[in-house]
Amino acid sequence: MKGKVIATIGGVYDVYLENKQLVKVSPKGILKHKKKKIIVGDDVEVNLNDNTLDDVLERKNMLIRPRISNIDLGVVVMSLAKPNYSSYLLDKFLTLLNLSSIEPLIILTKTDLVGEDVNVNKIINQYSLLGVKVLTYSKVTKEGLEEIKEAIKGKVIAFMGQTGVGKSSLINLIDEDFSRQVGEFSQALGRGKHQTKEVVLLPYLDGFIGDTPGFSSLELDIYKEDLANFFPLIKDHYTNCRYSNCLHKNEPGCKIKELIEQGKFDNENYQNYLQMLDELIARKDRY
């Protein structure tokens, strides 16, 4: 029977079957011999006669951090206060999703705490120019909750963001029974009270919601020359530059700089790109 890996504990895999049954299985000997990596989100074949995981089906995508596969929508949760909003970190998350060809969605939380120094409408417009949808949400007023539910319905979702932005509390409000389900699955998985220390997929309607560990820092495992391929501002335009190896920094004939000067995109995103570019190493610097 087919199912989806929703958690892993010490070489035992919790699989949610097509019939909505939760089972614990161990990988078949040949998978162990081949050292086949099995991660949360994998679609698998299991044998219920001996509770073995017999095969891992082909993945459509995979995130390295958090380590999860077969994601339909990567939901980047950013708070507007406590911790403070950072477009730089947001652009880093979007770049990470682009690396794995995963559609992004931005959720801005704690709208009830936002100060005068943060312009929410500006952020929404800024990222709509990049083709990324932005939703706003408040735990206090529940503003935006129904729109979030509609956006994630029937999909395999990975929520990601800094520690403290409100991912887990949002997940617990998505469904009135979800807190109970979190407790049940945590107990079934041997965790006791649920705390997000590892990736866990929780069944929700016809999809799954991934609650992932919060980030204290986020590093991109790519070279300087590759950043433009995945950075949200640049990835759709960099091939129009005069030089194929343009880094979009000081080179003549750079299409990206031209678009910024014309006001087509927000200069803040471009400055984030330049900062990331300075942090990455070039291929020649590897050795």
Protein backbone atom coordinates (compact mmCIF):
# COMPACT_ATOMS: atom_id res chain seq x y z
CA MET A 1 0.00 0.00 0.00
CA LYS A 2 1.17 3.53 -0.74
CA GLY A 3 1.66 6.15 1.92
CA LYS A 4 3.65 9.22 2.93
CA VAL A 5 6.45 9.40 5.50
CA ILE A 6 5.33 11.93 8.10
CA ALA A 7 8.09 11.46 10.70
CA THR A 8 11.29 9.52 11.32
CA ILE A 9 12.59 8.28 14.66
CA GLY A 10 15.77 6.24 14.99
CA GLY A 11 15.46 4.34 11.72
CA VAL A 12 11.72 3.71 12.14
CA TYR A 13 9.37 5.58 9.82
CA ASP A 14 5.85 6.78 10.55
CA VAL A 15 3.80 6.43 7.38
CA TYR A 16 0.34 7.85 6.78
CA LEU A 17 -1.39 5.42 4.42
CA GLU A 18 -3.88 6.17 1.67
CA ASN A 19 -6.62 4.74 3.91
CA LYS A 20 -5.66 7.34 6.61
CA GLN A 21 -4.09 4.72 8.86
CA LEU A 22 -0.85 5.56 10.67
CA VAL A 23 1.73 2.76 10.77
CA LYS A 24 5.33 2.35 11.92
CA VAL A 25 7.59 0.56 9.45
CA SER A 26 11.24 -0.35 9.07
CA PRO A 27 13.04 -0.22 5.71
CA LYS A 28 13.46 -3.45 3.78
CA GLY A 29 16.93 -4.94 3.90
CA ILE A 30 17.76 -4.00 0.30
CA LEU A 31 17.03 -0.33 1.03
CA LYS A 32 19.38 -0.46 4.00
CA HIS A 33 22.00 -2.18 1.86
CA LYS A 34 21.72 0.51 -0.82
CA LYS A 35 21.82 3.14 1.95
CA LYS A 36 18.72 4.68 0.44
CA LYS A 37 17.95 7.97 2.20
CA ILE A 38 14.36 8.19 3.39
CA ILE A 39 13.07 11.56 4.58
CA VAL A 40 9.84 13.17 5.71
CA GLY A 41 7.57 13.81 2.73
CA ASP A 42 8.70 10.76 0.75
CA ASP A 43 5.96 8.79 -0.98
CA VAL A 44 6.58 5.12 -0.27
CA GLU A 45 5.31 1.59 -0.74
CA VAL A 46 4.81 -0.42 2.45
CA ASN A 47 4.07 -4.07 3.14
CA LEU A 48 1.55 -4.36 5.97
CA ASN A 49 2.15 -8.10 6.36
CA ASP A 50 5.58 -7.55 7.88
CA ASN A 51 5.49 -3.76 8.47
CA THR A 52 8.32 -3.01 6.06
CA LEU A 53 8.98 -0.01 3.88
CA ASP A 54 9.62 -1.64 0.50
CA ASP A 55 10.27 1.25 -1.89
CA VAL A 56 10.70 5.01 -2.10
CA LEU A 57 8.94 6.61 -5.06
CA GLU A 58 10.57 9.30 -7.19
CA ARG A 59 10.64 12.74 -5.56
CA LYS A 60 9.41 15.83 -7.39
CA ASN A 61 11.55 18.11 -5.21
CA MET A 62 13.48 18.21 -1.95
CA LEU A 63 14.59 20.84 0.52
CA ILE A 64 17.92 20.28 2.24
CA ARG A 65 17.01 22.48 5.20
CA PRO A 66 14.49 21.74 6.49
CA ARG A 67 14.98 18.22 5.07
CA ILE A 68 11.62 17.44 3.49
CA SER A 69 10.43 16.26 0.07
CA ASN A 70 7.50 16.51 -2.35
CA ILE A 71 6.36 19.98 -1.31
CA ASP A 72 3.61 21.79 -3.22
CA LEU A 73 3.95 25.11 -1.42
CA GLY A 74 6.71 26.58 0.71
CA VAL A 75 5.15 28.97 3.22
CA VAL A 76 7.64 31.52 4.55
CA VAL A 77 6.34 32.92 7.84
CA MET A 78 7.80 36.33 8.73
CA SER A 79 6.80 38.35 11.77
CA LEU A 80 6.39 42.11 11.57
CA ALA A 81 7.58 42.48 15.16
CA LYS A 82 9.28 40.36 17.85
CA PRO A 83 11.37 39.26 15.95
CA ASN A 84 11.56 42.27 13.66
CA TYR A 85 10.78 41.97 9.97
CA SER A 86 13.78 41.42 7.66
CA SER A 87 13.44 41.58 3.88
CA TYR A 88 16.99 40.23 3.66
CA LEU A 89 16.05 37.02 5.50
CA LEU A 90 12.82 36.77 3.50
CA ASP A 91 14.76 37.01 0.21
CA LYS A 92 17.07 34.28 1.50
CA PHE A 93 14.14 31.97 2.18
CA LEU A 94 12.68 32.67 -1.27
CA THR A 95 16.05 31.89 -2.86
CA LEU A 96 16.15 28.61 -0.93
CA LEU A 97 12.71 27.66 -2.29
CA ASN A 98 13.70 28.61 -5.83
CA LEU A 99 16.71 26.31 -5.52
CA SER A 100 14.27 23.40 -5.19
CA SER A 101 11.65 24.70 -7.66
CA ILE A 102 9.03 25.06 -4.92
CA GLU A 103 6.26 27.65 -5.23
CA PRO A 104 6.47 30.22 -2.40
CA LEU A 105 3.85 31.93 -0.29
CA ILE A 106 4.66 34.66 2.25
CA ILE A 107 2.70 35.06 5.48
CA LEU A 108 3.32 38.18 7.57
CA THR A 109 2.35 37.57 11.20
CA LYS A 110 1.75 39.79 14.25
CA THR A 111 0.02 42.53 12.27
CA ASP A 112 -1.47 43.70 15.59
CA LEU A 113 2.05 44.56 16.83
CA VAL A 114 3.39 46.33 13.75
CA GLY A 115 4.92 49.75 14.36
CA GLU A 116 4.94 52.87 12.23
CA ASP A 117 8.39 51.99 10.87
CA VAL A 118 6.99 48.99 8.92
CA ASN A 119 4.79 49.62 5.87
CA VAL A 120 2.83 46.41 5.29
CA ASN A 121 1.29 47.57 2.00
CA LYS A 122 4.75 48.40 0.68
CA ILE A 123 5.93 44.86 1.48
CA ILE A 124 2.90 43.34 -0.27
CA ASN A 125 3.46 45.47 -3.37
CA GLN A 126 7.20 44.86 -3.30
CA TYR A 127 6.80 41.09 -3.50
CA SER A 128 3.83 41.13 -5.85
CA LEU A 129 6.25 42.69 -8.38
CA LEU A 130 8.32 39.52 -7.95
CA GLY A 131 5.27 37.30 -8.50
CA VAL A 132 5.03 36.15 -4.87
CA LYS A 133 1.72 36.23 -3.01
CA VAL A 134 1.71 37.82 0.45
CA LEU A 135 -0.93 37.17 3.12
CA THR A 136 -1.19 38.91 6.50
CA TYR A 137 -2.23 37.32 9.78
CA SER A 138 -2.82 38.18 13.42
CA LYS A 139 -3.10 35.57 16.16
CA VAL A 140 -4.99 38.10 18.29
CA THR A 141 -7.65 39.20 15.78
CA LYS A 142 -7.55 36.07 13.54
CA GLU A 143 -7.33 38.46 10.56
CA GLY A 144 -6.21 36.54 7.48
CA LEU A 145 -6.78 33.04 8.90
CA GLU A 146 -9.52 32.02 6.45
CA GLU A 147 -7.51 33.24 3.46
CA ILE A 148 -4.52 31.17 4.65
CA LYS A 149 -6.72 28.08 4.99
CA GLU A 150 -7.94 28.52 1.43
CA ALA A 151 -4.42 29.00 0.06
CA ILE A 152 -3.08 25.76 1.58
CA LYS A 153 -6.12 23.49 1.12
CA GLY A 154 -5.35 20.14 -0.49
CA LYS A 155 -1.59 20.76 -0.73
CA VAL A 156 1.55 19.46 0.91
CA ILE A 157 2.85 22.50 2.79
CA ALA A 158 6.14 23.27 4.49
CA PHE A 159 5.97 26.15 6.96
CA MET A 160 9.36 27.74 7.54
CA GLY A 161 10.74 30.80 9.26
CA GLN A 162 12.70 32.17 12.18
CA THR A 163 12.20 30.90 15.69
CA GLY A 164 9.41 32.88 17.35
CA VAL A 165 7.53 34.11 14.28
CA GLY A 166 4.42 32.11 15.20
CA LYS A 167 4.51 29.08 12.88
CA SER A 168 3.29 26.50 15.39
CA SER A 169 0.59 28.72 16.90
CA LEU A 170 -0.71 29.46 13.40
CA ILE A 171 -0.79 25.75 12.56
CA ASN A 172 -2.76 25.04 15.73
CA LEU A 173 -5.39 27.61 14.67
CA ILE A 174 -5.78 26.40 11.10
CA ASP A 175 -8.23 23.71 12.19
CA GLU A 176 -10.26 23.66 15.43
CA ASP A 177 -9.29 20.00 15.91
CA PHE A 178 -5.66 20.48 14.99
CA SER A 179 -4.29 20.94 18.51
CA ARG A 180 -5.91 17.64 19.44
CA GLN A 181 -4.44 16.02 16.33
CA VAL A 182 -0.98 17.38 17.11
CA GLY A 183 -1.23 15.80 20.54
CA GLU A 184 -2.45 12.51 19.15
CA PHE A 185 0.26 12.28 16.54
CA SER A 186 2.93 13.36 18.99
CA GLN A 187 1.82 10.62 21.35
CA ALA A 188 1.72 8.10 18.51
CA LEU A 189 5.21 9.14 17.49
CA GLY A 190 6.48 8.77 21.06
CA ARG A 191 7.13 12.48 21.61
CA GLY A 192 4.74 13.44 24.36
CA LYS A 193 4.04 17.16 24.15
CA HIS A 194 4.67 18.45 20.64
CA GLN A 195 7.71 20.67 20.24
CA THR A 196 9.14 21.51 16.86
CA LYS A 197 12.63 20.05 17.02
CA GLU A 198 12.40 18.09 13.79
CA VAL A 199 10.27 18.04 10.65
CA VAL A 200 6.82 16.51 11.13
CA LEU A 201 4.04 16.30 8.52
CA LEU A 202 0.52 16.49 9.90
CA PRO A 203 -2.47 15.38 7.80
CA TYR A 204 -4.86 18.23 7.02
CA LEU A 205 -7.95 17.72 4.84
CA ASP A 206 -6.59 16.29 1.55
CA GLY A 207 -3.04 17.48 2.15
CA PHE A 208 -0.34 17.73 4.78
CA ILE A 209 1.12 20.55 6.85
CA GLY A 210 4.81 20.45 7.68
CA ASP A 211 5.83 22.06 10.96
CA THR A 212 9.58 22.60 10.74
CA PRO A 213 12.21 23.74 13.25
CA GLY A 214 12.73 27.48 13.50
CA PHE A 215 15.89 28.98 12.04
CA SER A 216 18.37 31.01 14.00
CA SER A 217 20.46 31.41 10.84
CA LEU A 218 20.16 30.35 7.21
CA GLU A 219 23.06 29.66 4.86
CA LEU A 220 22.77 29.08 1.11
CA ASP A 221 24.85 26.23 -0.25
CA ILE A 222 25.55 27.75 -3.67
CA TYR A 223 28.36 29.63 -5.38
CA LYS A 224 28.44 33.35 -6.08
CA GLU A 225 28.03 32.69 -9.82
CA ASP A 226 24.80 30.74 -9.26
CA LEU A 227 22.92 33.17 -7.01
CA ALA A 228 21.27 35.06 -9.89
CA ASN A 229 19.67 31.81 -11.12
CA PHE A 230 17.58 31.58 -7.95
CA PHE A 231 17.33 35.03 -6.37
CA PRO A 232 13.67 36.16 -6.72
CA LEU A 233 14.41 39.55 -8.25
CA ILE A 234 16.91 38.31 -10.82
CA LYS A 235 16.10 34.72 -11.84
CA ASP A 236 13.68 35.68 -14.66
CA HIS A 237 15.80 38.47 -16.18
CA TYR A 238 19.52 37.72 -15.83
CA THR A 239 19.83 36.11 -19.29
CA ASN A 240 19.12 39.52 -20.88
CA CYS A 241 22.39 41.03 -19.67
CA ARG A 242 25.15 41.86 -22.18
CA TYR A 243 27.53 39.33 -20.66
CA SER A 244 26.56 35.74 -19.80
CA ASN A 245 28.76 35.79 -16.69
CA CYS A 246 27.31 39.06 -15.37
CA LEU A 247 27.13 39.20 -11.58
CA HIS A 248 24.79 42.24 -11.75
CA LYS A 249 27.10 44.33 -9.65
CA ASN A 250 29.42 46.61 -11.64
CA GLU A 251 29.27 45.12 -15.15
CA PRO A 252 28.22 47.27 -18.15
CA GLY A 253 25.05 46.30 -19.99
CA CYS A 254 23.44 44.75 -16.89
CA LYS A 255 19.69 44.30 -17.42
CA ILE A 256 19.03 43.98 -13.69
CA LYS A 257 20.59 47.34 -12.82
CA GLU A 258 18.63 48.88 -15.69
CA LEU A 259 15.33 47.52 -14.31
CA ILE A 260 16.15 48.87 -10.85
CA GLU A 261 17.00 52.31 -12.24
CA GLN A 262 13.68 52.30 -14.13
CA GLY A 263 11.82 51.56 -10.89
CA LYS A 264 10.51 48.23 -12.14
CA PHE A 265 11.54 46.52 -8.90
CA ASP A 266 12.36 47.62 -5.36
CA ASN A 267 15.97 48.62 -4.77
CA GLU A 268 15.79 46.99 -1.32
CA ASN A 269 15.65 43.54 -2.92
CA TYR A 270 18.62 44.42 -5.12
CA GLN A 271 20.64 45.51 -2.09
CA ASN A 272 19.77 42.19 -0.44
CA TYR A 273 21.12 40.42 -3.51
CA LEU A 274 24.38 42.36 -3.32
CA GLN A 275 24.75 41.49 0.37
CA MET A 276 24.21 37.78 -0.31
CA LEU A 277 26.62 37.95 -3.24
CA ASP A 278 29.34 39.30 -0.97
CA GLU A 279 28.74 36.48 1.53
CA LEU A 280 29.07 33.66 -1.00
CA ILE A 281 32.33 32.23 -2.33
CA ALA A 282 33.18 31.97 -6.02
CA ARG A 283 33.89 28.61 -7.63
CA LYS A 284 37.57 29.48 -7.96
CA ASP A 285 37.74 30.13 -4.19
CA ARG A 286 36.68 26.61 -3.30
CA TYR A 287 40.19 25.18 -3.52
